[in-house]
Protein backbone atom coordinates (compact mmCIF):
# COMPACT_ATOMS: atom_id res chain seq x y z
CA LEU A 1 71.17 93.46 208.73
CA GLN A 2 68.26 96.44 208.42
CA ASN A 3 67.45 94.86 212.10
CA ILE A 4 70.84 95.57 213.46
CA VAL A 5 72.33 98.90 211.36
CA SER A 6 68.81 100.52 212.74
CA LYS A 7 69.96 100.07 216.03
CA HIS A 8 72.60 101.52 215.90
CA SER A 9 71.54 104.40 213.45
CA SER A 10 68.65 106.00 212.78
CA GLN A 11 69.59 107.61 209.72
CA PHE A 12 69.50 104.72 208.65
CA ARG A 13 65.26 103.37 210.45
CA GLY A 14 62.12 102.00 208.20
CA ASN A 15 61.53 100.70 204.81
CA ALA A 16 62.71 103.62 202.60
CA GLN A 17 65.14 104.09 200.25
CA HIS A 18 68.73 104.51 202.01
CA ASP A 19 72.00 105.66 199.57
CA ALA A 20 74.74 102.64 198.65
CA LEU A 21 77.35 104.81 199.44
CA GLU A 22 76.63 106.68 202.20
CA PHE A 23 75.64 103.67 204.05
CA LEU A 24 78.74 101.99 203.15
CA LEU A 25 80.77 105.08 204.62
CA TRP A 26 79.24 104.49 207.80
CA LEU A 27 79.89 101.35 208.20
CA LEU A 28 83.61 101.51 207.41
CA ASP A 29 84.00 104.50 209.72
CA ARG A 30 82.32 102.46 212.55
CA MET A 31 83.88 99.26 212.81
CA HIS A 32 87.30 101.08 212.43
CA GLU A 33 85.88 103.45 215.16
CA ASP A 34 85.04 100.23 217.24
CA LEU A 35 88.63 97.95 216.35
CA GLY A 36 90.45 101.34 217.33
CA ALA A 37 89.15 102.08 220.55
CA ALA A 38 88.96 98.12 221.58
CA SER A 39 91.20 96.56 223.91
CA PRO A 40 94.43 95.00 223.44
CA ALA A 41 92.85 92.05 223.89
CA GLN A 42 90.74 92.12 221.88
CA GLN A 43 92.77 93.10 219.35
CA SER A 44 95.33 90.20 219.32
CA ARG A 45 92.25 88.21 218.96
CA GLY A 46 90.70 90.18 215.38
CA PRO A 47 88.00 90.90 213.41
CA PRO A 48 86.39 86.17 213.28
CA GLN A 49 85.73 86.87 209.54
CA VAL A 50 88.00 89.77 208.17
CA GLY A 51 91.93 89.34 206.96
CA GLY A 52 93.89 91.64 208.09
CA PRO A 53 96.62 94.20 206.27
CA THR A 54 98.76 93.13 203.04
CA GLY A 55 100.76 90.72 204.05
CA SER A 56 99.03 90.03 207.79
CA PRO A 57 96.85 86.61 208.59
CA PRO A 58 94.34 86.77 210.56
CA GLY A 59 94.59 87.26 214.55
CA THR A 60 97.72 89.77 213.88
CA GLN A 61 97.05 92.57 216.58
CA HIS A 62 96.96 96.11 215.59
CA PRO A 63 98.77 99.28 216.83
CA ARG A 64 96.75 101.61 218.94
CA GLY A 65 94.15 103.68 216.82
CA GLN A 66 94.51 100.95 213.97
CA SER A 67 92.38 98.74 211.81
CA PHE A 68 92.28 97.28 208.73
CA VAL A 69 89.75 98.88 207.54
CA GLN A 70 91.84 102.07 207.66
CA SER A 71 94.78 99.39 206.13
CA HIS A 72 92.81 98.90 203.24
CA PHE A 73 90.22 101.02 202.14
CA GLN A 74 91.73 104.84 202.91
CA ALA A 75 95.00 106.76 201.87
CA GLN A 76 95.91 110.06 201.08
CA TYR A 77 96.15 112.19 197.92
CA ARG A 78 99.00 114.73 197.77
CA SER A 79 97.92 117.81 196.02
CA SER A 80 100.60 120.05 194.43
CA LEU A 81 100.69 123.85 193.75
CA THR A 82 103.24 125.04 191.63
CA CYS A 83 103.05 129.09 191.06
CA PRO A 84 104.11 129.75 187.59
CA HIS A 85 106.71 133.17 188.06
CA CYS A 86 108.50 132.02 190.79
CA LEU A 87 108.54 128.27 190.84
CA LYS A 88 108.02 127.64 193.62
CA GLN A 89 105.97 124.53 194.74
CA SER A 90 103.70 123.93 197.90
CA ASN A 91 101.56 120.84 198.95
CA THR A 92 99.34 119.48 201.35
CA PHE A 93 98.17 116.09 201.63
CA ASP A 94 95.00 114.95 202.72
CA PRO A 95 93.37 111.44 203.73
CA PHE A 96 90.17 109.90 201.85
CA LEU A 97 87.98 106.96 202.58
CA CYS A 98 86.22 107.48 199.35
CA ILE A 99 86.67 109.71 196.27
CA SER A 100 84.20 110.80 193.62
CA LEU A 101 85.84 109.86 189.85
CA PRO A 102 84.49 111.83 187.39
CA ILE A 103 83.52 109.83 183.93
CA PRO A 104 85.28 111.52 180.60
CA LEU A 105 83.10 111.83 178.38
CA ARG A 106 83.21 111.35 174.22
CA GLN A 107 85.39 113.76 172.91
CA THR A 108 84.40 113.10 169.47
CA ARG A 109 81.13 112.73 166.85
CA ALA A 110 81.09 111.25 163.40
CA LEU A 111 80.44 113.47 160.59
CA ASN A 112 80.21 112.47 157.14
CA VAL A 113 81.99 115.11 154.70
CA THR A 114 81.76 114.75 151.33
CA LEU A 115 85.07 114.58 148.91
CA VAL A 116 84.58 116.24 144.74
CA LEU A 117 87.85 115.87 144.09
CA GLN A 118 89.83 116.15 140.61
CA CYS A 119 90.90 113.08 139.07
CA GLU A 120 90.24 112.20 135.34
CA ARG A 121 86.07 113.25 135.70
CA TRP A 122 85.11 115.28 138.77
CA ARG A 123 84.51 111.63 142.07
CA PHE A 124 82.98 111.39 144.90
CA VAL A 125 83.81 110.05 147.85
CA ARG A 126 82.04 110.09 151.05
CA VAL A 127 83.99 109.91 154.09
CA GLY A 128 83.02 109.28 157.75
CA LEU A 129 85.88 111.49 159.96
CA ALA A 130 85.71 111.38 163.92
CA VAL A 131 85.45 115.64 164.57
CA PRO A 132 85.83 116.73 167.66
CA LEU A 133 83.45 118.17 169.71
CA LEU A 134 85.35 121.41 170.99
CA GLY A 135 87.53 121.79 167.45
CA THR A 136 86.59 123.95 165.21
CA VAL A 137 86.68 123.97 160.94
CA ALA A 138 90.22 124.04 161.03
CA ASP A 139 90.24 120.98 162.59
CA LEU A 140 87.60 119.46 160.44
CA ARG A 141 89.63 121.12 157.42
CA GLU A 142 93.54 119.54 158.53
CA MET A 143 91.41 115.92 158.84
CA VAL A 144 89.28 116.27 155.09
CA ALA A 145 92.76 117.27 153.44
CA ARG A 146 94.13 114.01 154.54
CA GLU A 147 91.64 112.18 153.42
CA GLY A 148 91.88 113.70 149.62
CA ARG A 149 95.54 113.76 149.79
CA ILE A 150 95.38 117.36 149.19
CA PRO A 151 96.62 120.56 150.71
CA PRO A 152 94.92 122.50 152.98
CA GLU A 153 94.65 125.38 151.71
CA GLN A 154 93.23 123.45 148.77
CA VAL A 155 89.86 122.18 150.79
CA ILE A 156 86.51 124.66 150.28
CA LEU A 157 84.07 123.10 152.97
CA ALA A 158 80.41 124.24 152.38
CA GLU A 159 76.73 122.80 153.39
CA VAL A 160 74.32 121.60 150.14
CA SER A 161 70.69 120.99 151.41
CA PRO A 162 68.71 119.48 148.44
CA ARG A 163 67.95 123.21 147.55
CA GLY A 164 70.88 124.19 147.20
CA PHE A 165 73.99 125.40 148.70
CA LEU A 166 73.83 126.47 152.50
CA ARG A 167 77.20 128.62 153.16
CA SER A 168 80.17 128.08 153.63
CA LEU A 169 82.45 127.29 156.73
CA SER A 170 85.49 129.02 157.69
CA ASP A 171 88.15 128.23 160.29
CA PRO A 172 87.43 129.73 162.96
CA GLU A 173 84.26 128.70 164.23
CA ALA A 174 82.93 126.37 165.85
CA LEU A 175 82.45 122.11 164.60
CA GLY A 176 79.29 122.22 166.97
CA ALA A 177 77.12 123.36 164.10
CA ALA A 178 77.97 121.73 161.38
CA GLY A 179 76.70 119.21 158.99
CA GLU A 180 73.69 120.24 161.13
CA ALA A 181 71.91 122.03 158.91
CA GLY A 182 73.05 120.13 155.32
CA PRO A 183 75.27 117.67 154.42
CA VAL A 184 79.33 118.97 154.39
CA TYR A 185 81.05 118.36 150.82
CA ALA A 186 84.65 119.20 150.69
CA PHE A 187 85.56 120.63 147.09
CA GLN A 188 89.38 120.44 145.67
CA PRO A 189 89.28 123.29 142.80
CA PRO A 190 90.99 123.22 139.34
CA PRO A 191 94.64 123.68 138.94
CA ALA A 192 95.66 126.58 137.86
CA ARG A 193 97.02 127.46 134.41
CA ARG A 194 100.29 128.66 134.13
CA ALA A 195 100.81 132.36 133.39
CA GLY A 196 101.00 132.59 129.61
CA CYS A 197 99.25 129.88 128.53
CA PRO A 198 96.80 131.32 125.94
CA ARG A 199 93.29 130.58 126.88
CA SER A 200 90.82 128.59 125.31
CA LEU A 201 87.36 128.05 125.98
CA PRO A 202 85.82 124.51 125.71
CA THR A 203 83.73 123.35 122.80
CA SER A 204 80.06 122.81 123.60
CA PRO A 205 77.63 122.97 121.50
CA ALA A 206 75.39 126.25 120.62
CA VAL A 207 73.14 127.85 123.38
CA PRO A 208 69.74 128.08 122.06
CA ARG A 209 66.52 129.94 122.67
CA PRO A 210 65.90 130.23 126.67
CA GLU A 211 62.35 127.94 126.87
CA GLY A 212 59.73 130.37 129.42
CA PRO A 213 59.71 133.62 131.29
CA ARG A 214 62.80 136.15 130.33
CA LEU A 215 65.50 137.17 133.43
CA LEU A 216 63.44 139.42 136.08
CA PRO A 217 64.05 143.07 134.66
CA SER A 218 65.47 144.31 137.89
CA THR A 219 69.06 141.97 137.23
CA ALA A 220 72.05 144.01 138.20
CA ARG A 221 74.98 144.86 135.37
CA SER A 222 78.64 145.37 136.30
CA SER A 223 77.81 148.04 134.23
CA ASP A 224 74.56 149.91 136.53
CA CYS A 225 77.49 149.36 139.24
CA LEU A 226 80.72 149.58 138.94
CA HIS A 227 83.55 150.55 136.28
CA ARG A 228 86.36 148.69 137.04
CA ALA A 229 88.82 146.57 134.57
CA PRO A 230 88.39 143.14 134.65
CA GLY A 231 91.30 140.84 135.67
CA GLY A 232 92.07 138.11 137.89
CA ARG A 233 90.93 134.51 137.65
CA ILE A 234 88.49 133.32 140.73
CA LEU A 235 86.53 129.77 141.62
CA LEU A 236 82.94 129.18 140.80
CA LEU A 237 81.35 126.66 142.85
CA LEU A 238 78.35 125.70 140.63
CA CYS A 239 75.02 124.43 141.71
CA ASN A 240 72.68 123.79 139.64
CA THR A 241 68.69 123.76 140.21
CA ALA A 242 65.26 123.65 139.06
CA GLY A 243 61.48 124.43 139.73
CA THR A 244 60.74 127.00 142.21
CA GLY A 245 59.03 127.74 145.77
CA PRO A 246 57.88 124.16 147.55
CA GLN A 247 59.14 122.23 144.20
CA LEU A 248 62.94 123.53 143.46
CA ALA A 249 65.23 120.40 144.30
CA ARG A 250 69.23 120.25 143.19
CA PHE A 251 69.57 118.13 140.19
CA GLY A 252 73.55 117.21 138.68
CA PRO A 253 76.33 116.83 140.55
CA PRO A 254 77.71 120.50 142.70
CA LEU A 255 80.93 121.55 140.50
CA MET A 256 83.75 123.72 140.39
CA LEU A 257 85.44 125.59 137.78
CA ARG A 258 88.15 128.38 137.22
CA GLU A 259 86.81 131.60 135.66
CA GLU A 260 88.36 135.00 134.01
CA ARG A 261 86.12 137.62 134.90
CA SER A 262 86.10 139.19 131.92
CA VAL A 263 83.97 137.13 130.35
CA SER A 264 80.92 137.84 128.57
CA TRP A 265 77.85 135.45 129.48
CA GLU A 266 78.12 133.91 126.41
CA GLN A 267 81.51 132.49 127.25
CA LEU A 268 80.27 131.73 130.98
CA GLN A 269 77.05 129.88 129.65
CA GLN A 270 79.44 128.12 127.24
CA SER A 271 81.91 127.28 130.12
CA ILE A 272 78.93 125.62 132.62
CA LEU A 273 78.13 123.78 129.87
CA ALA A 274 81.31 122.00 128.60
CA GLN A 275 81.12 121.19 132.86
CA LEU A 276 77.71 119.56 132.73
CA ARG A 277 78.21 117.62 129.59
CA GLY A 278 78.84 114.44 130.93
CA VAL A 279 75.46 114.34 132.62
CA LEU A 280 73.37 116.35 128.91
CA ARG A 281 70.87 114.39 127.46
CA GLY A 282 71.87 114.39 123.23
CA GLU A 283 72.53 117.28 121.57
CA VAL A 284 71.81 120.50 121.86
CA ARG A 285 70.82 122.07 118.36
CA PRO A 286 71.97 125.69 117.70
CA GLN A 287 69.38 127.74 118.14
CA GLY A 288 70.66 131.07 118.39
CA THR A 289 71.49 132.67 120.90
CA GLY A 290 70.49 133.93 124.23
CA ALA A 291 70.06 132.52 127.85
CA LEU A 292 69.81 128.70 128.90
CA PHE A 293 69.01 129.28 132.58
CA ARG A 294 69.73 131.83 135.25
CA ILE A 295 72.60 132.62 137.61
CA ARG A 296 71.94 133.68 141.06
CA LEU A 297 74.65 134.58 143.66
CA ALA A 298 74.43 131.78 146.55
CA GLY A 299 74.67 131.59 150.46
CA GLY A 300 74.44 135.54 150.35
CA SER A 301 72.30 137.19 153.51
CA ALA A 302 71.60 140.02 151.21
CA PRO A 303 69.01 140.06 148.38
CA CYS A 304 68.75 136.98 145.30
CA THR A 305 71.24 139.03 142.97
CA TYR A 306 71.25 138.08 139.50
CA LEU A 307 73.92 138.19 136.61
CA SER A 308 72.85 139.72 133.76
CA PRO A 309 73.45 138.14 130.27
CA GLN A 310 72.80 141.35 128.36
CA ASP A 311 76.44 142.90 130.68
CA PRO A 312 79.56 142.30 128.71
CA ARG A 313 81.07 140.96 131.99
CA PRO A 314 79.03 140.37 133.90
CA LEU A 315 81.47 138.43 136.85
CA CYS A 316 83.00 142.05 137.49
CA HIS A 317 79.73 142.31 139.03
CA PRO A 318 80.33 144.18 142.78
CA ALA A 319 78.57 141.44 144.33
CA ILE A 320 80.99 139.01 143.23
CA ASP A 321 83.45 141.37 144.91
CA ARG A 322 81.61 141.25 148.03
CA ALA A 323 80.91 137.23 148.16
CA LEU A 324 84.70 136.47 147.60
CA GLN A 325 85.50 139.79 150.62
CA LEU A 326 82.68 136.80 152.73
CA SER A 327 84.34 133.62 152.01
CA GLY A 328 86.23 134.22 155.17
CA ALA A 329 89.48 132.29 156.56
CA GLY A 330 90.41 129.12 155.19
CA GLY A 331 90.93 127.93 151.96
CA PRO A 332 90.89 129.59 148.40
CA PRO A 333 88.07 133.18 148.06
CA HIS A 334 85.50 131.80 146.47
CA VAL A 335 81.75 132.35 144.87
CA LYS A 336 78.93 129.94 145.38
CA LEU A 337 76.77 130.30 141.95
CA THR A 338 73.65 128.47 141.89
CA VAL A 339 72.61 128.07 138.23
CA GLU A 340 68.73 127.60 138.07
CA TRP A 341 67.21 126.15 135.48
CA ASP A 342 63.02 125.93 133.86
CA VAL A 343 61.88 122.70 134.67
CA ASN A 344 60.72 122.37 130.95
CA THR A 345 64.64 122.76 129.71
CA LYS A 346 66.02 120.13 132.21
CA GLU A 347 63.78 118.06 131.55
CA ARG A 348 64.66 117.92 127.54
CA LEU A 349 68.39 118.91 128.90
CA PHE A 350 68.65 116.11 131.38
CA GLY A 351 66.15 113.97 131.52
CA SER A 352 65.40 112.77 134.76
CA ILE A 353 68.90 112.85 137.15
CA GLN A 354 68.59 113.81 140.59
CA GLU A 355 71.48 114.53 142.72
CA GLU A 356 74.80 113.24 141.86
CA VAL A 357 75.86 109.22 142.95
CA VAL A 358 78.39 108.95 145.82
CA GLN A 359 80.34 106.49 146.93
CA ASP A 360 81.04 105.85 150.59
CA ALA A 361 84.08 104.60 151.98
CA GLU A 362 84.42 102.01 154.41
CA SER A 363 84.98 105.35 157.16
CA VAL A 364 81.75 105.94 156.78
CA GLN A 365 80.54 102.73 158.71
CA ARG A 366 83.41 102.33 160.98
CA GLN A 367 82.19 105.96 162.50
CA GLN A 368 78.67 105.34 162.78
CA GLN A 369 79.52 101.86 164.29
CA ALA A 370 82.57 103.68 166.31
CA HIS A 371 80.32 106.75 167.83
CA GLY A 372 76.68 104.66 167.50
CA GLN A 373 77.94 102.34 171.01
CA GLN A 374 77.54 103.07 173.94
CA HIS A 375 80.85 105.03 175.41
CA SER A 376 83.02 102.97 177.95
CA CYS A 377 86.52 104.56 179.81
CA THR A 378 88.02 102.10 182.27
CA LEU A 379 88.77 102.91 185.89
CA ASP A 380 92.63 104.23 185.51
CA GLU A 381 91.00 107.09 182.46
CA CYS A 382 88.79 107.88 185.27
CA PHE A 383 92.01 108.87 187.10
CA GLN A 384 94.07 110.82 185.11
CA LEU A 385 90.92 112.51 184.24
CA TYR A 386 91.19 113.12 188.39
CA THR A 387 94.58 114.17 188.38
CA LYS A 388 95.04 116.17 184.78
CA GLU A 389 96.50 119.25 185.71
CA GLU A 390 94.31 122.66 186.06
CA GLN A 391 95.21 126.03 185.21
CA VAL A 392 94.03 127.64 188.85
């Protein structure tokens, strides 16, 4: 076959590699030309080994200029152009012997999100989602809301690494980089207390004196920066860490609480201890008052800001206001706080506790298997993508 082809076409001579599609088009074109130019007597005999058009037996005479190649392989497509203003339509028809169809690519990717739900106790569930490649965080927020059966406006999305909070995700952001720097967590805020209800601090063990170094002298106070009337309640995202430098590591579950801005350091510390009561080891004996840990604003681009135990209203610091303004669109405004524990204090109160225990839903393995397999498509899907309307 190669010798016969090379006699009629010099481009296919030699033993080098040749394009199969180019050879197929050349072969069909030459056969069509030879059959179309044949005499009526030759056409009546027809091709010896190839049938005629559909429904025609071999040997049927073809009209002048036509052949079985044209009947079986040639077609035409209509290109329609519609004016968006006057709605006038223009159609053009072009014959083709070969079409190069686009292959539809996978439009989604697997993303695991850990849901932090408010139940009788904190509940952590990791779910697998098929998020759109070209989607936004708003799409992810809607999917998480359906999984957790909570309103989308109550979902707070944040990236949490083994060292603490990284950043919060806002609706306009693209989903391309979501989950690359750290796992994505979705928090459900605690229910708001009804208006008029008196505030009662949870009963928790008294606070002992701090162990280790005292707070930094440069710790800021709200009275040093801004005098304002406190009011309202804010959402606080809490993450516990221990150690310094490369040994800094997160421990315990990340939690959320709703707190009055007018609380003192002592009241804020009591509320945080109440949230951690389930993972505390033993009883904290009363040893006077003091700071059991340090509280730092996390996730911001500004230098580290620590809340001061000597501040009568630490949550009224201007840095808290800036964090609320920068929390981004989508989800309730919130502030991310890192609770920094001394290593000795952490070992004494919590033992060797590590990160939270997360239960995987069936969707995690299902999405991993679905996106781990090679993407396949049908020929019909290729045609649908080829003929899809587009705005010129």
